[in-house]
Amino acid sequence: MTTVEIEYCVPCGFRDRALDVQRAILTALERDIDEFRLVMGDHGIFQVNVDGTTVFDKDEDEFDVDAIVRAVRGAL
């Protein structure tokens, strides 16, 4: 079972960003994903995880929706 999770900072206002990334991932890869979670967080977090492995972290990677979709695809 494949799970994709986006954890985003609520106080930072990252909800719209998380929803944009979620939409892009589901548009491209919906048939390959069993479960998708949006997790509310704080302290500036914005991470995308596939089966517990981080494929995007805003502290380490440049924000690019297409690159995030490619990273998720690569982890599948």
N, C-alpha and C. Protein backbone atom coordinates (compact mmCIF):
# COMPACT_ATOMS: atom_id res chain seq x y z
N MET A 1 0.84 -1.18 0.00
CA MET A 1 0.00 0.00 0.00
C MET A 1 0.89 1.24 0.00
N THR A 2 0.67 2.15 -0.94
CA THR A 2 1.47 3.35 -1.05
C THR A 2 0.73 4.53 -0.43
N THR A 3 1.43 5.24 0.47
CA THR A 3 0.85 6.40 1.13
C THR A 3 1.70 7.63 0.84
N VAL A 4 1.04 8.68 0.39
CA VAL A 4 1.69 9.97 0.20
C VAL A 4 1.14 10.91 1.26
N GLU A 5 2.04 11.65 1.88
CA GLU A 5 1.65 12.56 2.96
C GLU A 5 2.30 13.92 2.74
N ILE A 6 1.50 14.96 2.88
CA ILE A 6 2.03 16.32 2.86
C ILE A 6 1.80 16.90 4.24
N GLU A 7 2.88 17.28 4.91
CA GLU A 7 2.76 17.97 6.19
C GLU A 7 3.10 19.43 5.95
N TYR A 8 2.20 20.32 6.38
CA TYR A 8 2.36 21.74 6.07
C TYR A 8 2.09 22.58 7.32
N CYS A 9 2.72 23.75 7.34
CA CYS A 9 2.61 24.67 8.48
C CYS A 9 1.32 25.49 8.35
N VAL A 10 0.44 25.34 9.33
CA VAL A 10 -0.82 26.09 9.35
C VAL A 10 -0.57 27.57 9.62
N PRO A 11 0.20 27.92 10.69
CA PRO A 11 0.42 29.35 10.97
C PRO A 11 1.11 30.10 9.83
N CYS A 12 1.89 29.39 9.01
CA CYS A 12 2.60 30.02 7.89
C CYS A 12 1.70 30.25 6.69
N GLY A 13 0.52 29.66 6.70
CA GLY A 13 -0.39 29.81 5.58
C GLY A 13 -0.05 28.93 4.39
N PHE A 14 0.51 27.75 4.64
CA PHE A 14 0.93 26.86 3.56
C PHE A 14 -0.19 25.93 3.06
N ARG A 15 -1.42 26.11 3.53
CA ARG A 15 -2.50 25.22 3.12
C ARG A 15 -2.72 25.26 1.61
N ASP A 16 -2.78 26.44 1.02
CA ASP A 16 -3.01 26.52 -0.42
C ASP A 16 -1.88 25.85 -1.20
N ARG A 17 -0.67 26.02 -0.74
CA ARG A 17 0.48 25.37 -1.37
C ARG A 17 0.32 23.85 -1.30
N ALA A 18 -0.08 23.35 -0.13
CA ALA A 18 -0.27 21.91 0.06
C ALA A 18 -1.38 21.39 -0.86
N LEU A 19 -2.45 22.15 -0.99
CA LEU A 19 -3.55 21.72 -1.85
C LEU A 19 -3.15 21.73 -3.33
N ASP A 20 -2.33 22.69 -3.73
CA ASP A 20 -1.83 22.72 -5.10
C ASP A 20 -0.95 21.51 -5.40
N VAL A 21 -0.07 21.17 -4.46
CA VAL A 21 0.80 20.01 -4.64
C VAL A 21 -0.03 18.73 -4.64
N GLN A 22 -0.99 18.64 -3.73
CA GLN A 22 -1.86 17.46 -3.68
C GLN A 22 -2.57 17.27 -5.02
N ARG A 23 -3.15 18.34 -5.54
CA ARG A 23 -3.87 18.28 -6.81
C ARG A 23 -2.95 17.80 -7.94
N ALA A 24 -1.73 18.34 -7.99
CA ALA A 24 -0.79 17.97 -9.05
C ALA A 24 -0.39 16.50 -8.93
N ILE A 25 -0.13 16.04 -7.72
CA ILE A 25 0.25 14.63 -7.52
C ILE A 25 -0.90 13.71 -7.91
N LEU A 26 -2.10 14.03 -7.45
CA LEU A 26 -3.24 13.17 -7.76
C LEU A 26 -3.58 13.18 -9.25
N THR A 27 -3.42 14.32 -9.90
CA THR A 27 -3.67 14.39 -11.33
C THR A 27 -2.73 13.46 -12.09
N ALA A 28 -1.47 13.44 -11.68
CA ALA A 28 -0.47 12.64 -12.38
C ALA A 28 -0.42 11.19 -11.94
N LEU A 29 -0.68 10.93 -10.66
CA LEU A 29 -0.35 9.61 -10.11
C LEU A 29 -1.47 8.93 -9.31
N GLU A 30 -2.67 9.40 -9.43
CA GLU A 30 -3.77 8.91 -8.59
C GLU A 30 -3.91 7.39 -8.62
N ARG A 31 -3.72 6.77 -9.74
CA ARG A 31 -3.89 5.31 -9.85
C ARG A 31 -2.79 4.53 -9.14
N ASP A 32 -1.68 5.19 -8.84
CA ASP A 32 -0.55 4.52 -8.20
C ASP A 32 -0.49 4.72 -6.69
N ILE A 33 -1.45 5.48 -6.15
CA ILE A 33 -1.44 5.83 -4.72
C ILE A 33 -2.65 5.21 -4.04
N ASP A 34 -2.41 4.58 -2.90
CA ASP A 34 -3.51 3.97 -2.15
C ASP A 34 -4.11 4.92 -1.12
N GLU A 35 -3.28 5.79 -0.56
CA GLU A 35 -3.75 6.69 0.49
C GLU A 35 -3.00 8.02 0.38
N PHE A 36 -3.73 9.11 0.62
CA PHE A 36 -3.13 10.44 0.57
C PHE A 36 -3.55 11.19 1.82
N ARG A 37 -2.59 11.76 2.52
CA ARG A 37 -2.88 12.47 3.76
C ARG A 37 -2.36 13.91 3.70
N LEU A 38 -3.16 14.81 4.23
CA LEU A 38 -2.71 16.17 4.52
C LEU A 38 -2.60 16.26 6.03
N VAL A 39 -1.42 16.62 6.53
CA VAL A 39 -1.17 16.68 7.96
C VAL A 39 -0.84 18.12 8.34
N MET A 40 -1.61 18.66 9.26
CA MET A 40 -1.38 20.03 9.71
C MET A 40 -0.23 20.06 10.71
N GLY A 41 0.68 21.01 10.52
CA GLY A 41 1.82 21.15 11.40
C GLY A 41 2.10 22.61 11.70
N ASP A 42 3.29 22.86 12.22
CA ASP A 42 3.70 24.22 12.53
C ASP A 42 5.21 24.34 12.39
N HIS A 43 5.77 25.41 12.88
CA HIS A 43 7.23 25.65 12.85
C HIS A 43 7.80 25.67 11.43
N GLY A 44 6.99 26.13 10.44
CA GLY A 44 7.50 26.31 9.09
C GLY A 44 7.62 25.06 8.25
N ILE A 45 7.06 23.96 8.70
CA ILE A 45 7.25 22.69 7.98
C ILE A 45 6.47 22.66 6.66
N PHE A 46 7.09 22.09 5.65
CA PHE A 46 6.43 21.70 4.42
C PHE A 46 7.22 20.55 3.86
N GLN A 47 6.69 19.35 4.04
CA GLN A 47 7.37 18.13 3.59
C GLN A 47 6.39 17.25 2.84
N VAL A 48 6.92 16.52 1.87
CA VAL A 48 6.16 15.51 1.16
C VAL A 48 6.87 14.18 1.40
N ASN A 49 6.10 13.21 1.88
CA ASN A 49 6.65 11.89 2.19
C ASN A 49 5.91 10.82 1.41
N VAL A 50 6.66 9.82 0.98
CA VAL A 50 6.08 8.65 0.33
C VAL A 50 6.47 7.44 1.17
N ASP A 51 5.47 6.79 1.72
CA ASP A 51 5.69 5.63 2.59
C ASP A 51 6.73 5.92 3.68
N GLY A 52 6.65 7.11 4.26
CA GLY A 52 7.51 7.48 5.37
C GLY A 52 8.86 8.05 4.98
N THR A 53 9.18 8.07 3.70
CA THR A 53 10.45 8.61 3.22
C THR A 53 10.21 10.01 2.66
N THR A 54 10.98 10.97 3.13
CA THR A 54 10.83 12.35 2.67
C THR A 54 11.39 12.49 1.26
N VAL A 55 10.55 12.97 0.34
CA VAL A 55 10.99 13.22 -1.03
C VAL A 55 11.09 14.71 -1.32
N PHE A 56 10.51 15.54 -0.45
CA PHE A 56 10.63 16.99 -0.56
C PHE A 56 10.58 17.60 0.82
N ASP A 57 11.50 18.52 1.09
CA ASP A 57 11.53 19.27 2.34
C ASP A 57 11.89 20.71 1.97
N LYS A 58 11.01 21.66 2.30
CA LYS A 58 11.25 23.04 1.88
C LYS A 58 12.54 23.61 2.45
N ASP A 59 13.03 23.04 3.53
CA ASP A 59 14.29 23.51 4.11
C ASP A 59 15.51 23.06 3.29
N GLU A 60 15.31 22.05 2.44
CA GLU A 60 16.44 21.51 1.68
C GLU A 60 16.28 21.64 0.17
N ASP A 61 15.04 21.76 -0.29
CA ASP A 61 14.77 21.75 -1.73
C ASP A 61 14.06 23.03 -2.15
N GLU A 62 14.26 23.39 -3.42
CA GLU A 62 13.55 24.54 -3.98
C GLU A 62 12.12 24.12 -4.32
N PHE A 63 11.15 24.96 -3.98
CA PHE A 63 9.76 24.62 -4.22
C PHE A 63 9.45 24.69 -5.71
N ASP A 64 9.09 23.54 -6.27
CA ASP A 64 8.73 23.42 -7.68
C ASP A 64 7.74 22.26 -7.76
N VAL A 65 6.50 22.57 -8.06
CA VAL A 65 5.45 21.54 -8.05
C VAL A 65 5.79 20.39 -8.98
N ASP A 66 6.26 20.69 -10.18
CA ASP A 66 6.60 19.63 -11.13
C ASP A 66 7.72 18.74 -10.61
N ALA A 67 8.71 19.35 -9.97
CA ALA A 67 9.82 18.57 -9.40
C ALA A 67 9.32 17.68 -8.25
N ILE A 68 8.37 18.18 -7.48
CA ILE A 68 7.82 17.37 -6.39
C ILE A 68 7.07 16.18 -6.97
N VAL A 69 6.28 16.39 -8.00
CA VAL A 69 5.57 15.27 -8.65
C VAL A 69 6.56 14.25 -9.17
N ARG A 70 7.64 14.70 -9.80
CA ARG A 70 8.66 13.77 -10.29
C ARG A 70 9.31 13.00 -9.14
N ALA A 71 9.55 13.67 -8.02
CA ALA A 71 10.15 13.00 -6.87
C ALA A 71 9.21 11.94 -6.31
N VAL A 72 7.93 12.25 -6.25
CA VAL A 72 6.95 11.26 -5.78
C VAL A 72 6.90 10.09 -6.75
N ARG A 73 6.86 10.38 -8.05
CA ARG A 73 6.85 9.32 -9.06
C ARG A 73 8.08 8.41 -8.90
N GLY A 74 9.22 9.02 -8.69
CA GLY A 74 10.45 8.24 -8.51
C GLY A 74 10.42 7.36 -7.27
N ALA A 75 9.73 7.79 -6.24
CA ALA A 75 9.65 7.02 -4.99
C ALA A 75 8.64 5.88 -5.09
N LEU A 76 7.72 5.99 -6.06
CA LEU A 76 6.73 4.93 -6.24
C LEU A 76 7.37 3.77 -6.94
